[in-house]
PDB file of N, CA and C in Angstrom:
ATOM      1  N   MET A   1      -4.463 -11.823 -10.193  1.00  0.00           N
ATOM      2  CA  MET A   1      -3.782 -12.310 -11.367  1.00  0.00           C
ATOM      3  C   MET A   1      -3.018 -11.182 -12.038  1.00  0.00           C
ATOM      4  N   PHE A   2      -3.708 -10.112 -12.417  1.00  0.00           N
ATOM      5  CA  PHE A   2      -3.063  -8.966 -13.053  1.00  0.00           C
ATOM      6  C   PHE A   2      -3.279  -7.736 -12.173  1.00  0.00           C
ATOM      7  N   ASP A   3      -2.347  -6.800 -12.267  1.00  0.00           N
ATOM      8  CA  ASP A   3      -2.407  -5.625 -11.397  1.00  0.00           C
ATOM      9  C   ASP A   3      -2.869  -4.371 -12.132  1.00  0.00           C
ATOM     10  N   ALA A   4      -2.529  -4.226 -13.387  1.00  0.00           N
ATOM     11  CA  ALA A   4      -2.794  -2.964 -14.073  1.00  0.00           C
ATOM     12  C   ALA A   4      -3.864  -3.137 -15.157  1.00  0.00           C
ATOM     13  N   PHE A   5      -4.874  -2.313 -15.054  1.00  0.00           N
ATOM     14  CA  PHE A   5      -5.917  -2.285 -16.086  1.00  0.00           C
ATOM     15  C   PHE A   5      -5.768  -0.973 -16.829  1.00  0.00           C
ATOM     16  N   SER A   6      -5.572  -1.026 -18.136  1.00  0.00           N
ATOM     17  CA  SER A   6      -5.380   0.175 -18.889  1.00  0.00           C
ATOM     18  C   SER A   6      -6.683   0.829 -19.299  1.00  0.00           C
ATOM     19  N   SER A   7      -7.782   0.102 -19.170  1.00  0.00           N
ATOM     20  CA  SER A   7      -9.079   0.631 -19.586  1.00  0.00           C
ATOM     21  C   SER A   7     -10.092   0.340 -18.480  1.00  0.00           C
ATOM     22  N   LYS A   8     -10.813   1.392 -18.024  1.00  0.00           N
ATOM     23  CA  LYS A   8     -11.879   1.236 -17.054  1.00  0.00           C
ATOM     24  C   LYS A   8     -13.073   2.068 -17.499  1.00  0.00           C
ATOM     25  N   THR A   9     -14.226   1.402 -17.621  1.00  0.00           N
ATOM     26  CA  THR A   9     -15.442   2.116 -17.992  1.00  0.00           C
ATOM     27  C   THR A   9     -16.610   1.593 -17.166  1.00  0.00           C
ATOM     28  N   SER A  10     -17.608   2.443 -17.000  1.00  0.00           N
ATOM     29  CA  SER A  10     -18.845   2.031 -16.323  1.00  0.00           C
ATOM     30  C   SER A  10     -19.807   1.543 -17.396  1.00  0.00           C
ATOM     31  N   ALA A  11     -20.633   0.579 -17.003  1.00  0.00           N
ATOM     32  CA  ALA A  11     -21.623   0.035 -17.912  1.00  0.00           C
ATOM     33  C   ALA A  11     -22.798  -0.473 -17.106  1.00  0.00           C
ATOM     34  N   VAL A  12     -23.888  -0.733 -17.795  1.00  0.00           N
ATOM     35  CA  VAL A  12     -25.044  -1.342 -17.177  1.00  0.00           C
ATOM     36  C   VAL A  12     -25.096  -2.785 -17.652  1.00  0.00           C
ATOM     37  N   LEU A  13     -25.186  -3.707 -16.710  1.00  0.00           N
ATOM     38  CA  LEU A  13     -25.194  -5.124 -17.042  1.00  0.00           C
ATOM     39  C   LEU A  13     -26.467  -5.445 -17.842  1.00  0.00           C
ATOM     40  N   PRO A  14     -26.318  -5.952 -19.083  1.00  0.00           N
ATOM     41  CA  PRO A  14     -27.500  -6.271 -19.886  1.00  0.00           C
ATOM     42  C   PRO A  14     -28.196  -7.517 -19.340  1.00  0.00           C
ATOM     43  N   ASP A  15     -29.366  -7.777 -19.888  1.00  0.00           N
ATOM     44  CA  ASP A  15     -30.130  -8.977 -19.518  1.00  0.00           C
ATOM     45  C   ASP A  15     -29.704 -10.127 -20.415  1.00  0.00           C
ATOM     46  N   GLY A  16     -29.821 -11.322 -19.913  1.00  0.00           N
ATOM     47  CA  GLY A  16     -29.557 -12.494 -20.738  1.00  0.00           C
ATOM     48  C   GLY A  16     -28.396 -13.308 -20.250  1.00  0.00           C
ATOM     49  N   PRO A  17     -28.294 -14.556 -20.755  1.00  0.00           N
ATOM     50  CA  PRO A  17     -27.273 -15.455 -20.283  1.00  0.00           C
ATOM     51  C   PRO A  17     -25.835 -15.062 -20.670  1.00  0.00           C
ATOM     52  N   ALA A  18     -25.667 -14.262 -21.667  1.00  0.00           N
ATOM     53  CA  ALA A  18     -24.328 -13.868 -22.112  1.00  0.00           C
ATOM     54  C   ALA A  18     -24.009 -12.411 -21.712  1.00  0.00           C
ATOM     55  N   ALA A  19     -24.600 -11.943 -20.643  1.00  0.00           N
ATOM     56  CA  ALA A  19     -24.434 -10.556 -20.229  1.00  0.00           C
ATOM     57  C   ALA A  19     -22.965 -10.188 -20.002  1.00  0.00           C
ATOM     58  N   ALA A  20     -22.219 -11.019 -19.300  1.00  0.00           N
ATOM     59  CA  ALA A  20     -20.809 -10.718 -19.055  1.00  0.00           C
ATOM     60  C   ALA A  20     -20.027 -10.710 -20.353  1.00  0.00           C
ATOM     61  N   ALA A  21     -20.290 -11.667 -21.232  1.00  0.00           N
ATOM     62  CA  ALA A  21     -19.593 -11.723 -22.526  1.00  0.00           C
ATOM     63  C   ALA A  21     -19.867 -10.477 -23.362  1.00  0.00           C
ATOM     64  N   GLN A  22     -21.106  -9.949 -23.302  1.00  0.00           N
ATOM     65  CA  GLN A  22     -21.441  -8.770 -24.075  1.00  0.00           C
ATOM     66  C   GLN A  22     -20.623  -7.552 -23.650  1.00  0.00           C
ATOM     67  N   LEU A  23     -20.173  -7.522 -22.415  1.00  0.00           N
ATOM     68  CA  LEU A  23     -19.384  -6.392 -21.947  1.00  0.00           C
ATOM     69  C   LEU A  23     -17.885  -6.702 -22.008  1.00  0.00           C
ATOM     70  N   LEU A  24     -17.497  -7.927 -21.719  1.00  0.00           N
ATOM     71  CA  LEU A  24     -16.074  -8.254 -21.687  1.00  0.00           C
ATOM     72  C   LEU A  24     -15.417  -8.376 -23.053  1.00  0.00           C
ATOM     73  N   GLU A  25     -16.085  -9.026 -24.005  1.00  0.00           N
ATOM     74  CA  GLU A  25     -15.465  -9.233 -25.322  1.00  0.00           C
ATOM     75  C   GLU A  25     -15.088  -7.924 -26.020  1.00  0.00           C
ATOM     76  N   PRO A  26     -15.976  -6.921 -26.081  1.00  0.00           N
ATOM     77  CA  PRO A  26     -15.558  -5.674 -26.713  1.00  0.00           C
ATOM     78  C   PRO A  26     -14.408  -4.977 -25.977  1.00  0.00           C
ATOM     79  N   ALA A  27     -14.393  -5.064 -24.634  1.00  0.00           N
ATOM     80  CA  ALA A  27     -13.302  -4.466 -23.869  1.00  0.00           C
ATOM     81  C   ALA A  27     -11.981  -5.123 -24.163  1.00  0.00           C
ATOM     82  N   LEU A  28     -12.026  -6.452 -24.250  1.00  0.00           N
ATOM     83  CA  LEU A  28     -10.821  -7.214 -24.570  1.00  0.00           C
ATOM     84  C   LEU A  28     -10.295  -6.858 -25.963  1.00  0.00           C
ATOM     85  N   ALA A  29     -11.218  -6.776 -26.933  1.00  0.00           N
ATOM     86  CA  ALA A  29     -10.840  -6.428 -28.306  1.00  0.00           C
ATOM     87  C   ALA A  29     -10.253  -5.021 -28.382  1.00  0.00           C
ATOM     88  N   ALA A  30     -10.815  -4.106 -27.613  1.00  0.00           N
ATOM     89  CA  ALA A  30     -10.329  -2.709 -27.642  1.00  0.00           C
ATOM     90  C   ALA A  30      -8.877  -2.623 -27.176  1.00  0.00           C
ATOM     91  N   VAL A  31      -8.546  -3.325 -26.126  1.00  0.00           N
ATOM     92  CA  VAL A  31      -7.155  -3.249 -25.625  1.00  0.00           C
ATOM     93  C   VAL A  31      -6.196  -4.039 -26.514  1.00  0.00           C
ATOM     94  N   ALA A  32      -6.721  -5.022 -27.276  1.00  0.00           N
ATOM     95  CA  ALA A  32      -5.867  -5.792 -28.213  1.00  0.00           C
ATOM     96  C   ALA A  32      -5.436  -4.907 -29.374  1.00  0.00           C
ATOM     97  N   GLY A  33      -6.234  -3.936 -29.725  1.00  0.00           N
ATOM     98  CA  GLY A  33      -5.856  -2.995 -30.764  1.00  0.00           C
ATOM     99  C   GLY A  33      -6.636  -3.171 -32.049  1.00  0.00           C
ATOM    100  N   PRO A  34      -6.491  -2.189 -32.955  1.00  0.00           N
ATOM    101  CA  PRO A  34      -7.240  -2.232 -34.205  1.00  0.00           C
ATOM    102  C   PRO A  34      -6.861  -3.439 -35.066  1.00  0.00           C
ATOM    103  N   GLY A  35      -7.854  -3.991 -35.708  1.00  0.00           N
ATOM    104  CA  GLY A  35      -7.590  -5.120 -36.607  1.00  0.00           C
ATOM    105  C   GLY A  35      -7.380  -6.456 -35.893  1.00  0.00           C
ATOM    106  N   ALA A  36      -7.573  -6.500 -34.595  1.00  0.00           N
ATOM    107  CA  ALA A  36      -7.391  -7.760 -33.871  1.00  0.00           C
ATOM    108  C   ALA A  36      -8.595  -8.670 -34.066  1.00  0.00           C
ATOM    109  N   GLU A  37      -8.311  -9.906 -34.368  1.00  0.00           N
ATOM    110  CA  GLU A  37      -9.363 -10.917 -34.589  1.00  0.00           C
ATOM    111  C   GLU A  37      -9.278 -11.963 -33.463  1.00  0.00           C
ATOM    112  N   PRO A  38     -10.409 -12.304 -32.854  1.00  0.00           N
ATOM    113  CA  PRO A  38     -10.381 -13.247 -31.736  1.00  0.00           C
ATOM    114  C   PRO A  38      -9.954 -14.641 -32.162  1.00  0.00           C
ATOM    115  N   VAL A  39      -9.109 -15.271 -31.339  1.00  0.00           N
ATOM    116  CA  VAL A  39      -8.685 -16.641 -31.529  1.00  0.00           C
ATOM    117  C   VAL A  39      -9.235 -17.495 -30.418  1.00  0.00           C
ATOM    118  N   SER A  40      -9.231 -16.933 -29.180  1.00  0.00           N
ATOM    119  CA  SER A  40      -9.655 -17.673 -28.012  1.00  0.00           C
ATOM    120  C   SER A  40     -10.262 -16.693 -26.998  1.00  0.00           C
ATOM    121  N   LEU A  41     -11.336 -17.126 -26.334  1.00  0.00           N
ATOM    122  CA  LEU A  41     -11.963 -16.314 -25.294  1.00  0.00           C
ATOM    123  C   LEU A  41     -12.386 -17.262 -24.165  1.00  0.00           C
ATOM    124  N   THR A  42     -11.938 -16.934 -22.950  1.00  0.00           N
ATOM    125  CA  THR A  42     -12.313 -17.715 -21.764  1.00  0.00           C
ATOM    126  C   THR A  42     -12.977 -16.791 -20.767  1.00  0.00           C
ATOM    127  N   LEU A  43     -14.146 -17.171 -20.268  1.00  0.00           N
ATOM    128  CA  LEU A  43     -14.853 -16.401 -19.246  1.00  0.00           C
ATOM    129  C   LEU A  43     -14.994 -17.286 -18.009  1.00  0.00           C
ATOM    130  N   ASP A  44     -14.778 -16.659 -16.857  1.00  0.00           N
ATOM    131  CA  ASP A  44     -15.003 -17.317 -15.578  1.00  0.00           C
ATOM    132  C   ASP A  44     -15.942 -16.441 -14.787  1.00  0.00           C
ATOM    133  N   TYR A  45     -16.940 -17.062 -14.204  1.00  0.00           N
ATOM    134  CA  TYR A  45     -17.948 -16.344 -13.445  1.00  0.00           C
ATOM    135  C   TYR A  45     -17.686 -16.494 -11.946  1.00  0.00           C
ATOM    136  N   ALA A  46     -17.911 -15.437 -11.204  1.00  0.00           N
ATOM    137  CA  ALA A  46     -17.721 -15.441  -9.749  1.00  0.00           C
ATOM    138  C   ALA A  46     -19.046 -15.097  -9.076  1.00  0.00           C
ATOM    139  N   ALA A  47     -19.222 -13.853  -8.688  1.00  0.00           N
ATOM    140  CA  ALA A  47     -20.440 -13.417  -8.035  1.00  0.00           C
ATOM    141  C   ALA A  47     -21.562 -13.212  -9.046  1.00  0.00           C
ATOM    142  N   SER A  48     -22.793 -13.338  -8.601  1.00  0.00           N
ATOM    143  CA  SER A  48     -23.903 -13.076  -9.509  1.00  0.00           C
ATOM    144  C   SER A  48     -24.309 -11.612  -9.437  1.00  0.00           C
ATOM    145  N   ALA A  49     -24.938 -11.148 -10.491  1.00  0.00           N
ATOM    146  CA  ALA A  49     -25.418  -9.760 -10.540  1.00  0.00           C
ATOM    147  C   ALA A  49     -26.694  -9.738 -11.367  1.00  0.00           C
ATOM    148  N   ARG A  50     -27.557  -8.800 -11.046  1.00  0.00           N
ATOM    149  CA  ARG A  50     -28.821  -8.674 -11.771  1.00  0.00           C
ATOM    150  C   ARG A  50     -28.665  -7.745 -12.963  1.00  0.00           C
ATOM    151  N   ALA A  51     -29.462  -8.032 -14.003  1.00  0.00           N
ATOM    152  CA  ALA A  51     -29.525  -7.163 -15.158  1.00  0.00           C
ATOM    153  C   ALA A  51     -29.892  -5.753 -14.684  1.00  0.00           C
ATOM    154  N   GLY A  52     -29.242  -4.767 -15.270  1.00  0.00           N
ATOM    155  CA  GLY A  52     -29.484  -3.391 -14.889  1.00  0.00           C
ATOM    156  C   GLY A  52     -28.526  -2.857 -13.850  1.00  0.00           C
ATOM    157  N   ALA A  53     -27.733  -3.753 -13.253  1.00  0.00           N
ATOM    158  CA  ALA A  53     -26.739  -3.317 -12.253  1.00  0.00           C
ATOM    159  C   ALA A  53     -25.641  -2.502 -12.932  1.00  0.00           C
ATOM    160  N   VAL A  54     -25.192  -1.474 -12.264  1.00  0.00           N
ATOM    161  CA  VAL A  54     -24.045  -0.693 -12.753  1.00  0.00           C
ATOM    162  C   VAL A  54     -22.779  -1.423 -12.391  1.00  0.00           C
ATOM    163  N   VAL A  55     -21.936  -1.656 -13.367  1.00  0.00           N
ATOM    164  CA  VAL A  55     -20.678  -2.374 -13.179  1.00  0.00           C
ATOM    165  C   VAL A  55     -19.532  -1.589 -13.770  1.00  0.00           C
ATOM    166  N   THR A  56     -18.319  -1.946 -13.398  1.00  0.00           N
ATOM    167  CA  THR A  56     -17.121  -1.399 -14.002  1.00  0.00           C
ATOM    168  C   THR A  56     -16.472  -2.479 -14.846  1.00  0.00           C
ATOM    169  N   VAL A  57     -16.147  -2.123 -16.059  1.00  0.00           N
ATOM    170  CA  VAL A  57     -15.459  -3.044 -16.978  1.00  0.00           C
ATOM    171  C   VAL A  57     -14.001  -2.610 -17.010  1.00  0.00           C
ATOM    172  N   GLU A  58     -13.109  -3.485 -16.579  1.00  0.00           N
ATOM    173  CA  GLU A  58     -11.681  -3.170 -16.556  1.00  0.00           C
ATOM    174  C   GLU A  58     -10.973  -4.119 -17.498  1.00  0.00           C
ATOM    175  N   ALA A  59     -10.086  -3.613 -18.336  1.00  0.00           N
ATOM    176  CA  ALA A  59      -9.378  -4.441 -19.301  1.00  0.00           C
ATOM    177  C   ALA A  59      -7.936  -3.998 -19.450  1.00  0.00           C
ATOM    178  N   GLY A  60      -7.087  -4.921 -19.777  1.00  0.00           N
ATOM    179  CA  GLY A  60      -5.675  -4.609 -19.963  1.00  0.00           C
ATOM    180  C   GLY A  60      -5.041  -5.577 -20.949  1.00  0.00           C
ATOM    181  N   LEU A  61      -3.877  -5.195 -21.425  1.00  0.00           N
ATOM    182  CA  LEU A  61      -3.119  -6.027 -22.353  1.00  0.00           C
ATOM    183  C   LEU A  61      -1.983  -6.652 -21.563  1.00  0.00           C
ATOM    184  N   ASP A  62      -1.969  -7.974 -21.500  1.00  0.00           N
ATOM    185  CA  ASP A  62      -0.915  -8.693 -20.757  1.00  0.00           C
ATOM    186  C   ASP A  62       0.396  -8.635 -21.533  1.00  0.00           C
ATOM    187  N   ARG A  63       0.323  -9.024 -22.815  1.00  0.00           N
ATOM    188  CA  ARG A  63       1.501  -8.930 -23.686  1.00  0.00           C
ATOM    189  C   ARG A  63       1.067  -9.011 -25.125  1.00  0.00           C
ATOM    190  N   ALA A  64       1.957  -8.616 -25.990  1.00  0.00           N
ATOM    191  CA  ALA A  64       1.648  -8.640 -27.432  1.00  0.00           C
ATOM    192  C   ALA A  64       2.927  -8.980 -28.176  1.00  0.00           C
ATOM    193  N   THR A  65       2.748  -9.809 -29.183  1.00  0.00           N
ATOM    194  CA  THR A  65       3.850 -10.119 -30.085  1.00  0.00           C
ATOM    195  C   THR A  65       3.509  -9.489 -31.444  1.00  0.00           C
ATOM    196  N   ARG A  66       4.298  -9.790 -32.415  1.00  0.00           N
ATOM    197  CA  ARG A  66       4.029  -9.223 -33.736  1.00  0.00           C
ATOM    198  C   ARG A  66       2.693  -9.720 -34.286  1.00  0.00           C
ATOM    199  N   THR A  67       2.300 -10.958 -33.901  1.00  0.00           N
ATOM    200  CA  THR A  67       1.084 -11.529 -34.478  1.00  0.00           C
ATOM    201  C   THR A  67      -0.023 -11.842 -33.485  1.00  0.00           C
ATOM    202  N   LEU A  68       0.267 -11.812 -32.180  1.00  0.00           N
ATOM    203  CA  LEU A  68      -0.746 -12.153 -31.191  1.00  0.00           C
ATOM    204  C   LEU A  68      -0.819 -11.103 -30.052  1.00  0.00           C
ATOM    205  N   ALA A  69      -2.018 -10.931 -29.519  1.00  0.00           N
ATOM    206  CA  ALA A  69      -2.202 -10.048 -28.348  1.00  0.00           C
ATOM    207  C   ALA A  69      -2.955 -10.853 -27.278  1.00  0.00           C
ATOM    208  N   PHE A  70      -2.471 -10.762 -26.048  1.00  0.00           N
ATOM    209  CA  PHE A  70      -3.053 -11.479 -24.932  1.00  0.00           C
ATOM    210  C   PHE A  70      -3.679 -10.461 -23.984  1.00  0.00           C
ATOM    211  N   ALA A  71      -4.991 -10.504 -23.860  1.00  0.00           N
ATOM    212  CA  ALA A  71      -5.716  -9.493 -23.078  1.00  0.00           C
ATOM    213  C   ALA A  71      -6.475 -10.135 -21.927  1.00  0.00           C
ATOM    214  N   TYR A  72      -6.792  -9.332 -20.921  1.00  0.00           N
ATOM    215  CA  TYR A  72      -7.531  -9.776 -19.747  1.00  0.00           C
ATOM    216  C   TYR A  72      -8.523  -8.702 -19.354  1.00  0.00           C
ATOM    217  N   ALA A  73      -9.590  -9.119 -18.714  1.00  0.00           N
ATOM    218  CA  ALA A  73     -10.594  -8.128 -18.264  1.00  0.00           C
ATOM    219  C   ALA A  73     -11.399  -8.694 -17.113  1.00  0.00           C
ATOM    220  N   ARG A  74     -12.123  -7.823 -16.447  1.00  0.00           N
ATOM    221  CA  ARG A  74     -13.038  -8.261 -15.388  1.00  0.00           C
ATOM    222  C   ARG A  74     -14.179  -7.278 -15.250  1.00  0.00           C
ATOM    223  N   LEU A  75     -15.287  -7.801 -14.728  1.00  0.00           N
ATOM    224  CA  LEU A  75     -16.460  -7.006 -14.362  1.00  0.00           C
ATOM    225  C   LEU A  75     -16.504  -6.929 -12.854  1.00  0.00           C
ATOM    226  N   VAL A  76     -16.661  -5.719 -12.351  1.00  0.00           N
ATOM    227  CA  VAL A  76     -16.691  -5.497 -10.887  1.00  0.00           C
ATOM    228  C   VAL A  76     -17.974  -4.734 -10.571  1.00  0.00           C
ATOM    229  N   ASP A  77     -18.686  -5.191  -9.511  1.00  0.00           N
ATOM    230  CA  ASP A  77     -19.898  -4.452  -9.136  1.00  0.00           C
ATOM    231  C   ASP A  77     -19.539  -3.245  -8.284  1.00  0.00           C
ATOM    232  N   MET A  78     -20.551  -2.472  -7.902  1.00  0.00           N
ATOM    233  CA  MET A  78     -20.306  -1.231  -7.173  1.00  0.00           C
ATOM    234  C   MET A  78     -19.721  -1.436  -5.771  1.00  0.00           C
ATOM    235  N   GLU A  79     -19.852  -2.644  -5.221  1.00  0.00           N
ATOM    236  CA  GLU A  79     -19.268  -2.966  -3.911  1.00  0.00           C
ATOM    237  C   GLU A  79     -17.854  -3.464  -4.031  1.00  0.00           C
ATOM    238  N   GLY A  80     -17.362  -3.632  -5.252  1.00  0.00           N
ATOM    239  CA  GLY A  80     -16.009  -4.108  -5.480  1.00  0.00           C
ATOM    240  C   GLY A  80     -15.869  -5.611  -5.664  1.00  0.00           C
ATOM    241  N   SER A  81     -16.974  -6.324  -5.723  1.00  0.00           N
ATOM    242  CA  SER A  81     -16.937  -7.767  -5.947  1.00  0.00           C
ATOM    243  C   SER A  81     -16.767  -8.070  -7.418  1.00  0.00           C
ATOM    244  N   VAL A  82     -15.919  -9.023  -7.730  1.00  0.00           N
ATOM    245  CA  VAL A  82     -15.685  -9.443  -9.117  1.00  0.00           C
ATOM    246  C   VAL A  82     -16.842 -10.329  -9.540  1.00  0.00           C
ATOM    247  N   ILE A  83     -17.501  -9.952 -10.633  1.00  0.00           N
ATOM    248  CA  ILE A  83     -18.631 -10.684 -11.172  1.00  0.00           C
ATOM    249  C   ILE A  83     -18.121 -11.746 -12.141  1.00  0.00           C
ATOM    250  N   ALA A  84     -17.203 -11.349 -13.005  1.00  0.00           N
ATOM    251  CA  ALA A  84     -16.653 -12.286 -14.014  1.00  0.00           C
ATOM    252  C   ALA A  84     -15.291 -11.783 -14.462  1.00  0.00           C
ATOM    253  N   THR A  85     -14.479 -12.724 -14.907  1.00  0.00           N
ATOM    254  CA  THR A  85     -13.197 -12.378 -15.494  1.00  0.00           C
ATOM    255  C   THR A  85     -13.130 -12.986 -16.888  1.00  0.00           C
ATOM    256  N   GLY A  86     -12.285 -12.403 -17.730  1.00  0.00           N
ATOM    257  CA  GLY A  86     -12.128 -12.923 -19.084  1.00  0.00           C
ATOM    258  C   GLY A  86     -10.676 -12.802 -19.520  1.00  0.00           C
ATOM    259  N   ALA A  87     -10.268 -13.750 -20.333  1.00  0.00           N
ATOM    260  CA  ALA A  87      -8.936 -13.721 -20.948  1.00  0.00           C
ATOM    261  C   ALA A  87      -9.108 -14.082 -22.421  1.00  0.00           C
ATOM    262  N   ALA A  88      -8.369 -13.436 -23.255  1.00  0.00           N
ATOM    263  CA  ALA A  88      -8.530 -13.669 -24.683  1.00  0.00           C
ATOM    264  C   ALA A  88      -7.186 -13.577 -25.415  1.00  0.00           C
ATOM    265  N   VAL A  89      -7.115 -14.299 -26.505  1.00  0.00           N
ATOM    266  CA  VAL A  89      -5.994 -14.199 -27.431  1.00  0.00           C
ATOM    267  C   VAL A  89      -6.542 -13.678 -28.727  1.00  0.00           C
ATOM    268  N   PHE A  90      -5.881 -12.689 -29.297  1.00  0.00           N
ATOM    269  CA  PHE A  90      -6.290 -12.097 -30.581  1.00  0.00           C
ATOM    270  C   PHE A  90      -5.154 -12.209 -31.579  1.00  0.00           C
ATOM    271  N   ARG A  91      -5.509 -12.468 -32.809  1.00  0.00           N
ATOM    272  CA  ARG A  91      -4.551 -12.426 -33.909  1.00  0.00           C
ATOM    273  C   ARG A  91      -4.474 -10.986 -34.339  1.00  0.00           C
ATOM    274  N   ARG A  92      -3.285 -10.449 -34.390  1.00  0.00           N
ATOM    275  CA  ARG A  92      -3.093  -9.058 -34.821  1.00  0.00           C
ATOM    276  C   ARG A  92      -2.954  -9.059 -36.329  1.00  0.00           C
ATOM    277  N   VAL A  93      -3.947  -8.554 -37.027  1.00  0.00           N
ATOM    278  CA  VAL A  93      -3.965  -8.543 -38.464  1.00  0.00           C
ATOM    279  C   VAL A  93      -3.227  -7.289 -38.952  1.00  0.00           C
ATOM    280  N   THR A  94      -2.135  -7.506 -39.654  1.00  0.00           N
ATOM    281  CA  THR A  94      -1.349  -6.415 -40.231  1.00  0.00           C
ATOM    282  C   THR A  94      -1.048  -6.762 -41.662  1.00  0.00           C
ATOM    283  N   GLU A  95      -0.418  -5.864 -42.360  1.00  0.00           N
ATOM    284  CA  GLU A  95      -0.042  -6.135 -43.765  1.00  0.00           C
ATOM    285  C   GLU A  95       0.912  -7.320 -43.815  1.00  0.00           C
ATOM    286  N   ILE A  96       1.763  -7.489 -42.787  1.00  0.00           N
ATOM    287  CA  ILE A  96       2.698  -8.609 -42.755  1.00  0.00           C
ATOM    288  C   ILE A  96       1.961  -9.939 -42.606  1.00  0.00           C
ATOM    289  N   THR A  97       1.009  -9.986 -41.662  1.00  0.00           N
ATOM    290  CA  THR A  97       0.271 -11.245 -41.452  1.00  0.00           C
ATOM    291  C   THR A  97      -0.698 -11.546 -42.569  1.00  0.00           C
ATOM    292  N   LYS A  98      -1.174 -10.535 -43.281  1.00  0.00           N
ATOM    293  CA  LYS A  98      -2.053 -10.775 -44.430  1.00  0.00           C
ATOM    294  C   LYS A  98      -1.296 -11.434 -45.553  1.00  0.00           C
ATOM    295  N   ALA A  99      -0.024 -11.115 -45.700  1.00  0.00           N
ATOM    296  CA  ALA A  99       0.826 -11.651 -46.782  1.00  0.00           C
ATOM    297  C   ALA A  99       1.249 -13.086 -46.491  1.00  0.00           C
ATOM    298  N   ALA A 100       1.187 -13.501 -45.237  1.00  0.00           N
ATOM    299  CA  ALA A 100       1.663 -14.850 -44.887  1.00  0.00           C
ATOM    300  C   ALA A 100       0.718 -15.938 -45.299  1.00  0.00           C
TER     301      ALA A 100
END
């Protein structure tokens, strides 16, 4: 889907049903920029992984307008298999949007 990830970090997959969301949502917000507020978040699961597995969190910004940022991310295991992908839309909160 996307070729360039501007952010790549290693993480340990937490335990629980929302493990992928716990790693993907902050990565998506980080690439959306400061003051970004979530509007929409979609997660798609692929391969399974156990809690405690070392994964890579990759995130990038697809596009941004004055008021919205469109971000994407994925979790990849050490063998290169995609565990989950995420896409999000963020409202970019600025002085201009606060006045509206």
